[in-house]
Amino acid sequence: MIRHSEIDRNTLRRLVHAGKIKFGGYRPGKIYGTLHCPSGKRMKTENRVFFESEQEAIDAGYRPCGHCMPEQYQRWKAGRARLRQQ
């Protein structure tokens, strides 16, 4: 996980182009999504983090964004519902 507030614009751009950053996350809400998500683009820099993979985001305790990743979000939501029923 890379915090946006800890890297400069050129480094960020280089990491995205190199494929080292593929997803963005909202730290306070523990939500991750695509780099093109309108919701993610509106957040403050100090709240934004970046991930190389979905698995990295999941391992860090983040959940998929309902706006830009609806299928992954529905699977995550269904999994939580199953846990509550047990």
PDB file of N, CA and C in Angstrom:
ATOM      1  N   MET A   1       0.850  -1.172   0.000  1.00  0.00           N
ATOM      2  CA  MET A   1       0.000   0.000   0.000  1.00  0.00           C
ATOM      3  C   MET A   1       0.898   1.238   0.000  1.00  0.00           C
ATOM      4  N   ILE A   2       0.548   2.165  -0.863  1.00  0.00           N
ATOM      5  CA  ILE A   2       1.290   3.418  -0.975  1.00  0.00           C
ATOM      6  C   ILE A   2       0.336   4.568  -0.675  1.00  0.00           C
ATOM      7  N   ARG A   3       0.711   5.425   0.230  1.00  0.00           N
ATOM      8  CA  ARG A   3      -0.114   6.601   0.526  1.00  0.00           C
ATOM      9  C   ARG A   3       0.161   7.697  -0.498  1.00  0.00           C
ATOM     10  N   HIS A   4      -0.899   8.276  -1.018  1.00  0.00           N
ATOM     11  CA  HIS A   4      -0.760   9.323  -2.026  1.00  0.00           C
ATOM     12  C   HIS A   4       0.008  10.522  -1.480  1.00  0.00           C
ATOM     13  N   SER A   5      -0.198  10.841  -0.234  1.00  0.00           N
ATOM     14  CA  SER A   5       0.454  12.000   0.367  1.00  0.00           C
ATOM     15  C   SER A   5       1.965  11.817   0.516  1.00  0.00           C
ATOM     16  N   GLU A   6       2.461  10.591   0.321  1.00  0.00           N
ATOM     17  CA  GLU A   6       3.886  10.316   0.508  1.00  0.00           C
ATOM     18  C   GLU A   6       4.671  10.209  -0.796  1.00  0.00           C
ATOM     19  N   ILE A   7       4.008  10.378  -1.947  1.00  0.00           N
ATOM     20  CA  ILE A   7       4.725  10.326  -3.221  1.00  0.00           C
ATOM     21  C   ILE A   7       4.372  11.549  -4.060  1.00  0.00           C
ATOM     22  N   ASP A   8       5.272  11.923  -4.940  1.00  0.00           N
ATOM     23  CA  ASP A   8       5.007  13.085  -5.790  1.00  0.00           C
ATOM     24  C   ASP A   8       4.300  12.645  -7.080  1.00  0.00           C
ATOM     25  N   ARG A   9       3.823  13.616  -7.809  1.00  0.00           N
ATOM     26  CA  ARG A   9       3.034  13.363  -9.013  1.00  0.00           C
ATOM     27  C   ARG A   9       3.796  12.546 -10.065  1.00  0.00           C
ATOM     28  N   ASN A  10       5.059  12.865 -10.279  1.00  0.00           N
ATOM     29  CA  ASN A  10       5.855  12.147 -11.280  1.00  0.00           C
ATOM     30  C   ASN A  10       6.074  10.686 -10.895  1.00  0.00           C
ATOM     31  N   THR A  11       6.329  10.447  -9.622  1.00  0.00           N
ATOM     32  CA  THR A  11       6.508   9.071  -9.144  1.00  0.00           C
ATOM     33  C   THR A  11       5.207   8.293  -9.305  1.00  0.00           C
ATOM     34  N   LEU A  12       4.106   8.919  -8.954  1.00  0.00           N
ATOM     35  CA  LEU A  12       2.798   8.279  -9.100  1.00  0.00           C
ATOM     36  C   LEU A  12       2.553   7.899 -10.558  1.00  0.00           C
ATOM     37  N   ARG A  13       2.777   8.818 -11.443  1.00  0.00           N
ATOM     38  CA  ARG A  13       2.580   8.577 -12.872  1.00  0.00           C
ATOM     39  C   ARG A  13       3.458   7.425 -13.367  1.00  0.00           C
ATOM     40  N   ARG A  14       4.703   7.415 -12.945  1.00  0.00           N
ATOM     41  CA  ARG A  14       5.644   6.367 -13.339  1.00  0.00           C
ATOM     42  C   ARG A  14       5.181   4.995 -12.837  1.00  0.00           C
ATOM     43  N   LEU A  15       4.705   4.931 -11.594  1.00  0.00           N
ATOM     44  CA  LEU A  15       4.237   3.669 -11.020  1.00  0.00           C
ATOM     45  C   LEU A  15       2.976   3.157 -11.713  1.00  0.00           C
ATOM     46  N   VAL A  16       2.090   4.067 -12.081  1.00  0.00           N
ATOM     47  CA  VAL A  16       0.875   3.671 -12.803  1.00  0.00           C
ATOM     48  C   VAL A  16       1.254   3.101 -14.170  1.00  0.00           C
ATOM     49  N   HIS A  17       2.109   3.789 -14.897  1.00  0.00           N
ATOM     50  CA  HIS A  17       2.517   3.328 -16.224  1.00  0.00           C
ATOM     51  C   HIS A  17       3.300   2.022 -16.162  1.00  0.00           C
ATOM     52  N   ALA A  18       4.018   1.786 -15.085  1.00  0.00           N
ATOM     53  CA  ALA A  18       4.775   0.547 -14.920  1.00  0.00           C
ATOM     54  C   ALA A  18       3.895  -0.613 -14.436  1.00  0.00           C
ATOM     55  N   GLY A  19       2.641  -0.327 -14.110  1.00  0.00           N
ATOM     56  CA  GLY A  19       1.734  -1.365 -13.627  1.00  0.00           C
ATOM     57  C   GLY A  19       1.902  -1.688 -12.159  1.00  0.00           C
ATOM     58  N   LYS A  20       2.632  -0.852 -11.432  1.00  0.00           N
ATOM     59  CA  LYS A  20       2.840  -1.069  -9.995  1.00  0.00           C
ATOM     60  C   LYS A  20       1.680  -0.520  -9.169  1.00  0.00           C
ATOM     61  N   ILE A  21       0.843   0.311  -9.794  1.00  0.00           N
ATOM     62  CA  ILE A  21      -0.368   0.840  -9.153  1.00  0.00           C
ATOM     63  C   ILE A  21      -1.520   0.589 -10.110  1.00  0.00           C
ATOM     64  N   LYS A  22      -2.511  -0.190  -9.652  1.00  0.00           N
ATOM     65  CA  LYS A  22      -3.663  -0.502 -10.490  1.00  0.00           C
ATOM     66  C   LYS A  22      -4.985  -0.138  -9.831  1.00  0.00           C
ATOM     67  N   PHE A  23      -4.976   0.058  -8.516  1.00  0.00           N
ATOM     68  CA  PHE A  23      -6.189   0.369  -7.778  1.00  0.00           C
ATOM     69  C   PHE A  23      -5.927   1.488  -6.778  1.00  0.00           C
ATOM     70  N   GLY A  24      -6.965   2.256  -6.510  1.00  0.00           N
ATOM     71  CA  GLY A  24      -6.886   3.297  -5.498  1.00  0.00           C
ATOM     72  C   GLY A  24      -7.811   2.949  -4.349  1.00  0.00           C
ATOM     73  N   GLY A  25      -7.515   3.488  -3.178  1.00  0.00           N
ATOM     74  CA  GLY A  25      -8.342   3.203  -2.014  1.00  0.00           C
ATOM     75  C   GLY A  25      -8.614   4.429  -1.182  1.00  0.00           C
ATOM     76  N   TYR A  26      -9.711   4.357  -0.426  1.00  0.00           N
ATOM     77  CA  TYR A  26     -10.117   5.408   0.507  1.00  0.00           C
ATOM     78  C   TYR A  26      -9.824   4.888   1.907  1.00  0.00           C
ATOM     79  N   ARG A  27      -8.778   5.439   2.526  1.00  0.00           N
ATOM     80  CA  ARG A  27      -8.286   4.925   3.804  1.00  0.00           C
ATOM     81  C   ARG A  27      -9.330   4.948   4.916  1.00  0.00           C
ATOM     82  N   PRO A  28     -10.035   6.061   5.174  1.00  0.00           N
ATOM     83  CA  PRO A  28     -10.991   6.058   6.289  1.00  0.00           C
ATOM     84  C   PRO A  28     -12.118   5.028   6.143  1.00  0.00           C
ATOM     85  N   GLY A  29     -12.591   4.810   4.913  1.00  0.00           N
ATOM     86  CA  GLY A  29     -13.687   3.871   4.706  1.00  0.00           C
ATOM     87  C   GLY A  29     -13.253   2.474   4.321  1.00  0.00           C
ATOM     88  N   LYS A  30     -11.935   2.293   4.121  1.00  0.00           N
ATOM     89  CA  LYS A  30     -11.380   0.997   3.724  1.00  0.00           C
ATOM     90  C   LYS A  30     -12.083   0.454   2.471  1.00  0.00           C
ATOM     91  N   ILE A  31     -12.158   1.305   1.414  1.00  0.00           N
ATOM     92  CA  ILE A  31     -12.778   0.955   0.148  1.00  0.00           C
ATOM     93  C   ILE A  31     -11.720   1.082  -0.944  1.00  0.00           C
ATOM     94  N   TYR A  32     -11.685   0.142  -1.880  1.00  0.00           N
ATOM     95  CA  TYR A  32     -10.774   0.256  -3.012  1.00  0.00           C
ATOM     96  C   TYR A  32     -11.556   0.182  -4.317  1.00  0.00           C
ATOM     97  N   GLY A  33     -10.993   0.772  -5.367  1.00  0.00           N
ATOM     98  CA  GLY A  33     -11.641   0.752  -6.672  1.00  0.00           C
ATOM     99  C   GLY A  33     -10.647   1.033  -7.779  1.00  0.00           C
ATOM    100  N   THR A  34     -11.174   1.210  -8.981  1.00  0.00           N
ATOM    101  CA  THR A  34     -10.328   1.467 -10.135  1.00  0.00           C
ATOM    102  C   THR A  34      -9.757   2.883 -10.058  1.00  0.00           C
ATOM    103  N   LEU A  35      -8.721   3.130 -10.820  1.00  0.00           N
ATOM    104  CA  LEU A  35      -8.117   4.458 -10.838  1.00  0.00           C
ATOM    105  C   LEU A  35      -8.986   5.473 -11.568  1.00  0.00           C
ATOM    106  N   HIS A  36      -9.978   5.004 -12.310  1.00  0.00           N
ATOM    107  CA  HIS A  36     -10.850   5.890 -13.076  1.00  0.00           C
ATOM    108  C   HIS A  36     -12.186   6.158 -12.390  1.00  0.00           C
ATOM    109  N   CYS A  37     -12.372   5.666 -11.188  1.00  0.00           N
ATOM    110  CA  CYS A  37     -13.645   5.817 -10.471  1.00  0.00           C
ATOM    111  C   CYS A  37     -13.906   7.287 -10.119  1.00  0.00           C
ATOM    112  N   PRO A  38     -15.080   7.807 -10.473  1.00  0.00           N
ATOM    113  CA  PRO A  38     -15.417   9.192 -10.121  1.00  0.00           C
ATOM    114  C   PRO A  38     -15.391   9.442  -8.607  1.00  0.00           C
ATOM    115  N   SER A  39     -15.806   8.455  -7.828  1.00  0.00           N
ATOM    116  CA  SER A  39     -15.794   8.613  -6.368  1.00  0.00           C
ATOM    117  C   SER A  39     -14.372   8.762  -5.857  1.00  0.00           C
ATOM    118  N   GLY A  40     -13.472   7.969  -6.384  1.00  0.00           N
ATOM    119  CA  GLY A  40     -12.076   8.011  -5.957  1.00  0.00           C
ATOM    120  C   GLY A  40     -11.383   9.301  -6.335  1.00  0.00           C
ATOM    121  N   LYS A  41     -11.767   9.864  -7.450  1.00  0.00           N
ATOM    122  CA  LYS A  41     -11.126  11.096  -7.910  1.00  0.00           C
ATOM    123  C   LYS A  41     -11.506  12.296  -7.046  1.00  0.00           C
ATOM    124  N   ARG A  42     -12.608  12.199  -6.310  1.00  0.00           N
ATOM    125  CA  ARG A  42     -13.062  13.325  -5.480  1.00  0.00           C
ATOM    126  C   ARG A  42     -12.448  13.344  -4.084  1.00  0.00           C
ATOM    127  N   MET A  43     -11.807  12.286  -3.678  1.00  0.00           N
ATOM    128  CA  MET A  43     -11.303  12.231  -2.300  1.00  0.00           C
ATOM    129  C   MET A  43     -10.049  13.082  -2.104  1.00  0.00           C
ATOM    130  N   LYS A  44      -9.819  13.438  -0.879  1.00  0.00           N
ATOM    131  CA  LYS A  44      -8.636  14.219  -0.532  1.00  0.00           C
ATOM    132  C   LYS A  44      -7.387  13.350  -0.650  1.00  0.00           C
ATOM    133  N   THR A  45      -6.296  13.974  -1.035  1.00  0.00           N
ATOM    134  CA  THR A  45      -5.024  13.270  -1.204  1.00  0.00           C
ATOM    135  C   THR A  45      -4.610  12.539   0.066  1.00  0.00           C
ATOM    136  N   GLU A  46      -4.805  13.141   1.216  1.00  0.00           N
ATOM    137  CA  GLU A  46      -4.368  12.502   2.464  1.00  0.00           C
ATOM    138  C   GLU A  46      -5.175  11.254   2.806  1.00  0.00           C
ATOM    139  N   ASN A  47      -6.335  11.060   2.164  1.00  0.00           N
ATOM    140  CA  ASN A  47      -7.159   9.877   2.409  1.00  0.00           C
ATOM    141  C   ASN A  47      -6.965   8.786   1.360  1.00  0.00           C
ATOM    142  N   ARG A  48      -6.179   9.057   0.311  1.00  0.00           N
ATOM    143  CA  ARG A  48      -6.034   8.141  -0.812  1.00  0.00           C
ATOM    144  C   ARG A  48      -4.794   7.264  -0.646  1.00  0.00           C
ATOM    145  N   VAL A  49      -4.983   5.982  -0.960  1.00  0.00           N
ATOM    146  CA  VAL A  49      -3.881   5.021  -0.983  1.00  0.00           C
ATOM    147  C   VAL A  49      -3.947   4.267  -2.312  1.00  0.00           C
ATOM    148  N   PHE A  50      -2.856   3.606  -2.653  1.00  0.00           N
ATOM    149  CA  PHE A  50      -2.796   2.870  -3.909  1.00  0.00           C
ATOM    150  C   PHE A  50      -2.343   1.437  -3.675  1.00  0.00           C
ATOM    151  N   PHE A  51      -2.825   0.546  -4.550  1.00  0.00           N
ATOM    152  CA  PHE A  51      -2.498  -0.868  -4.462  1.00  0.00           C
ATOM    153  C   PHE A  51      -2.064  -1.390  -5.829  1.00  0.00           C
ATOM    154  N   GLU A  52      -1.199  -2.390  -5.827  1.00  0.00           N
ATOM    155  CA  GLU A  52      -0.760  -3.023  -7.064  1.00  0.00           C
ATOM    156  C   GLU A  52      -1.787  -4.034  -7.553  1.00  0.00           C
ATOM    157  N   SER A  53      -2.536  -4.628  -6.630  1.00  0.00           N
ATOM    158  CA  SER A  53      -3.498  -5.661  -7.011  1.00  0.00           C
ATOM    159  C   SER A  53      -4.720  -5.625  -6.103  1.00  0.00           C
ATOM    160  N   GLU A  54      -5.773  -6.289  -6.570  1.00  0.00           N
ATOM    161  CA  GLU A  54      -6.969  -6.421  -5.729  1.00  0.00           C
ATOM    162  C   GLU A  54      -6.634  -7.209  -4.471  1.00  0.00           C
ATOM    163  N   GLN A  55      -5.833  -8.249  -4.630  1.00  0.00           N
ATOM    164  CA  GLN A  55      -5.487  -9.078  -3.476  1.00  0.00           C
ATOM    165  C   GLN A  55      -4.760  -8.274  -2.405  1.00  0.00           C
ATOM    166  N   GLU A  56      -3.900  -7.363  -2.821  1.00  0.00           N
ATOM    167  CA  GLU A  56      -3.204  -6.516  -1.855  1.00  0.00           C
ATOM    168  C   GLU A  56      -4.211  -5.662  -1.074  1.00  0.00           C
ATOM    169  N   ALA A  57      -5.204  -5.121  -1.778  1.00  0.00           N
ATOM    170  CA  ALA A  57      -6.238  -4.304  -1.121  1.00  0.00           C
ATOM    171  C   ALA A  57      -7.055  -5.153  -0.147  1.00  0.00           C
ATOM    172  N   ILE A  58      -7.447  -6.334  -0.598  1.00  0.00           N
ATOM    173  CA  ILE A  58      -8.242  -7.239   0.250  1.00  0.00           C
ATOM    174  C   ILE A  58      -7.441  -7.644   1.485  1.00  0.00           C
ATOM    175  N   ASP A  59      -6.164  -7.973   1.288  1.00  0.00           N
ATOM    176  CA  ASP A  59      -5.307  -8.364   2.411  1.00  0.00           C
ATOM    177  C   ASP A  59      -5.142  -7.225   3.416  1.00  0.00           C
ATOM    178  N   ALA A  60      -5.248  -5.982   2.937  1.00  0.00           N
ATOM    179  CA  ALA A  60      -5.139  -4.819   3.818  1.00  0.00           C
ATOM    180  C   ALA A  60      -6.474  -4.499   4.501  1.00  0.00           C
ATOM    181  N   GLY A  61      -7.511  -5.280   4.210  1.00  0.00           N
ATOM    182  CA  GLY A  61      -8.801  -5.095   4.868  1.00  0.00           C
ATOM    183  C   GLY A  61      -9.758  -4.164   4.139  1.00  0.00           C
ATOM    184  N   TYR A  62      -9.513  -3.916   2.858  1.00  0.00           N
ATOM    185  CA  TYR A  62     -10.369  -3.027   2.078  1.00  0.00           C
ATOM    186  C   TYR A  62     -11.437  -3.826   1.349  1.00  0.00           C
ATOM    187  N   ARG A  63     -12.574  -3.183   1.061  1.00  0.00           N
ATOM    188  CA  ARG A  63     -13.656  -3.812   0.316  1.00  0.00           C
ATOM    189  C   ARG A  63     -13.808  -3.123  -1.036  1.00  0.00           C
ATOM    190  N   PRO A  64     -14.419  -3.805  -2.030  1.00  0.00           N
ATOM    191  CA  PRO A  64     -14.585  -3.202  -3.354  1.00  0.00           C
ATOM    192  C   PRO A  64     -15.579  -2.039  -3.342  1.00  0.00           C
ATOM    193  N   CYS A  65     -15.356  -1.105  -4.245  1.00  0.00           N
ATOM    194  CA  CYS A  65     -16.236   0.046  -4.426  1.00  0.00           C
ATOM    195  C   CYS A  65     -17.516  -0.399  -5.137  1.00  0.00           C
ATOM    196  N   GLY A  66     -18.648   0.036  -4.651  1.00  0.00           N
ATOM    197  CA  GLY A  66     -19.927  -0.302  -5.275  1.00  0.00           C
ATOM    198  C   GLY A  66     -20.179   0.427  -6.574  1.00  0.00           C
ATOM    199  N   HIS A  67     -19.488   1.541  -6.817  1.00  0.00           N
ATOM    200  CA  HIS A  67     -19.709   2.319  -8.042  1.00  0.00           C
ATOM    201  C   HIS A  67     -18.927   1.762  -9.227  1.00  0.00           C
ATOM    202  N   CYS A  68     -17.639   1.576  -9.078  1.00  0.00           N
ATOM    203  CA  CYS A  68     -16.796   1.187 -10.212  1.00  0.00           C
ATOM    204  C   CYS A  68     -16.535  -0.316 -10.283  1.00  0.00           C
ATOM    205  N   MET A  69     -16.873  -1.051  -9.231  1.00  0.00           N
ATOM    206  CA  MET A  69     -16.639  -2.500  -9.202  1.00  0.00           C
ATOM    207  C   MET A  69     -17.896  -3.210  -8.693  1.00  0.00           C
ATOM    208  N   PRO A  70     -19.042  -3.016  -9.370  1.00  0.00           N
ATOM    209  CA  PRO A  70     -20.307  -3.541  -8.835  1.00  0.00           C
ATOM    210  C   PRO A  70     -20.347  -5.061  -8.665  1.00  0.00           C
ATOM    211  N   GLU A  71     -19.729  -5.810  -9.583  1.00  0.00           N
ATOM    212  CA  GLU A  71     -19.750  -7.274  -9.463  1.00  0.00           C
ATOM    213  C   GLU A  71     -18.957  -7.743  -8.247  1.00  0.00           C
ATOM    214  N   GLN A  72     -17.765  -7.186  -8.090  1.00  0.00           N
ATOM    215  CA  GLN A  72     -16.934  -7.553  -6.935  1.00  0.00           C
ATOM    216  C   GLN A  72     -17.606  -7.122  -5.637  1.00  0.00           C
ATOM    217  N   TYR A  73     -18.260  -5.960  -5.656  1.00  0.00           N
ATOM    218  CA  TYR A  73     -18.952  -5.476  -4.470  1.00  0.00           C
ATOM    219  C   TYR A  73     -20.101  -6.413  -4.084  1.00  0.00           C
ATOM    220  N   GLN A  74     -20.870  -6.860  -5.083  1.00  0.00           N
ATOM    221  CA  GLN A  74     -21.989  -7.768  -4.801  1.00  0.00           C
ATOM    222  C   GLN A  74     -21.494  -9.088  -4.231  1.00  0.00           C
ATOM    223  N   ARG A  75     -20.373  -9.600  -4.751  1.00  0.00           N
ATOM    224  CA  ARG A  75     -19.800 -10.842  -4.187  1.00  0.00           C
ATOM    225  C   ARG A  75     -19.350 -10.614  -2.751  1.00  0.00           C
ATOM    226  N   TRP A  76     -18.710  -9.464  -2.489  1.00  0.00           N
ATOM    227  CA  TRP A  76     -18.258  -9.142  -1.129  1.00  0.00           C
ATOM    228  C   TRP A  76     -19.463  -9.057  -0.199  1.00  0.00           C
ATOM    229  N   LYS A  77     -20.509  -8.377  -0.652  1.00  0.00           N
ATOM    230  CA  LYS A  77     -21.719  -8.187   0.157  1.00  0.00           C
ATOM    231  C   LYS A  77     -22.399  -9.530   0.441  1.00  0.00           C
ATOM    232  N   ALA A  78     -22.478 -10.394  -0.569  1.00  0.00           N
ATOM    233  CA  ALA A  78     -23.084 -11.712  -0.387  1.00  0.00           C
ATOM    234  C   ALA A  78     -22.289 -12.544   0.613  1.00  0.00           C
ATOM    235  N   GLY A  79     -20.978 -12.445   0.560  1.00  0.00           N
ATOM    236  CA  GLY A  79     -20.138 -13.164   1.506  1.00  0.00           C
ATOM    237  C   GLY A  79     -20.351 -12.712   2.938  1.00  0.00           C
ATOM    238  N   ARG A  80     -20.531 -11.423   3.125  1.00  0.00           N
ATOM    239  CA  ARG A  80     -20.795 -10.897   4.475  1.00  0.00           C
ATOM    240  C   ARG A  80     -22.156 -11.356   4.978  1.00  0.00           C
ATOM    241  N   ALA A  81     -23.144 -11.408   4.082  1.00  0.00           N
ATOM    242  CA  ALA A  81     -24.495 -11.851   4.470  1.00  0.00           C
ATOM    243  C   ALA A  81     -24.449 -13.310   4.921  1.00  0.00           C
ATOM    244  N   ARG A  82     -23.668 -14.139   4.213  1.00  0.00           N
ATOM    245  CA  ARG A  82     -23.540 -15.534   4.602  1.00  0.00           C
ATOM    246  C   ARG A  82     -22.906 -15.674   5.982  1.00  0.00           C
ATOM    247  N   LEU A  83     -21.927 -14.839   6.260  1.00  0.00           N
ATOM    248  CA  LEU A  83     -21.265 -14.889   7.576  1.00  0.00           C
ATOM    249  C   LEU A  83     -22.240 -14.512   8.697  1.00  0.00           C
ATOM    250  N   ARG A  84     -23.109 -13.552   8.430  1.00  0.00           N
ATOM    251  CA  ARG A  84     -24.082 -13.125   9.459  1.00  0.00           C
ATOM    252  C   ARG A  84     -25.109 -14.217   9.749  1.00  0.00           C
ATOM    253  N   GLN A  85     -25.436 -15.015   8.736  1.00  0.00           N
ATOM    254  CA  GLN A  85     -26.442 -16.064   8.908  1.00  0.00           C
ATOM    255  C   GLN A  85     -25.911 -17.245   9.709  1.00  0.00           C
ATOM    256  N   GLN A  86     -24.620 -17.388   9.759  1.00  0.00           N
ATOM    257  CA  GLN A  86     -24.039 -18.544  10.459  1.00  0.00           C
ATOM    258  C   GLN A  86     -24.047 -18.367  11.946  1.00  0.00           C
TER     259      GLN A  86
END
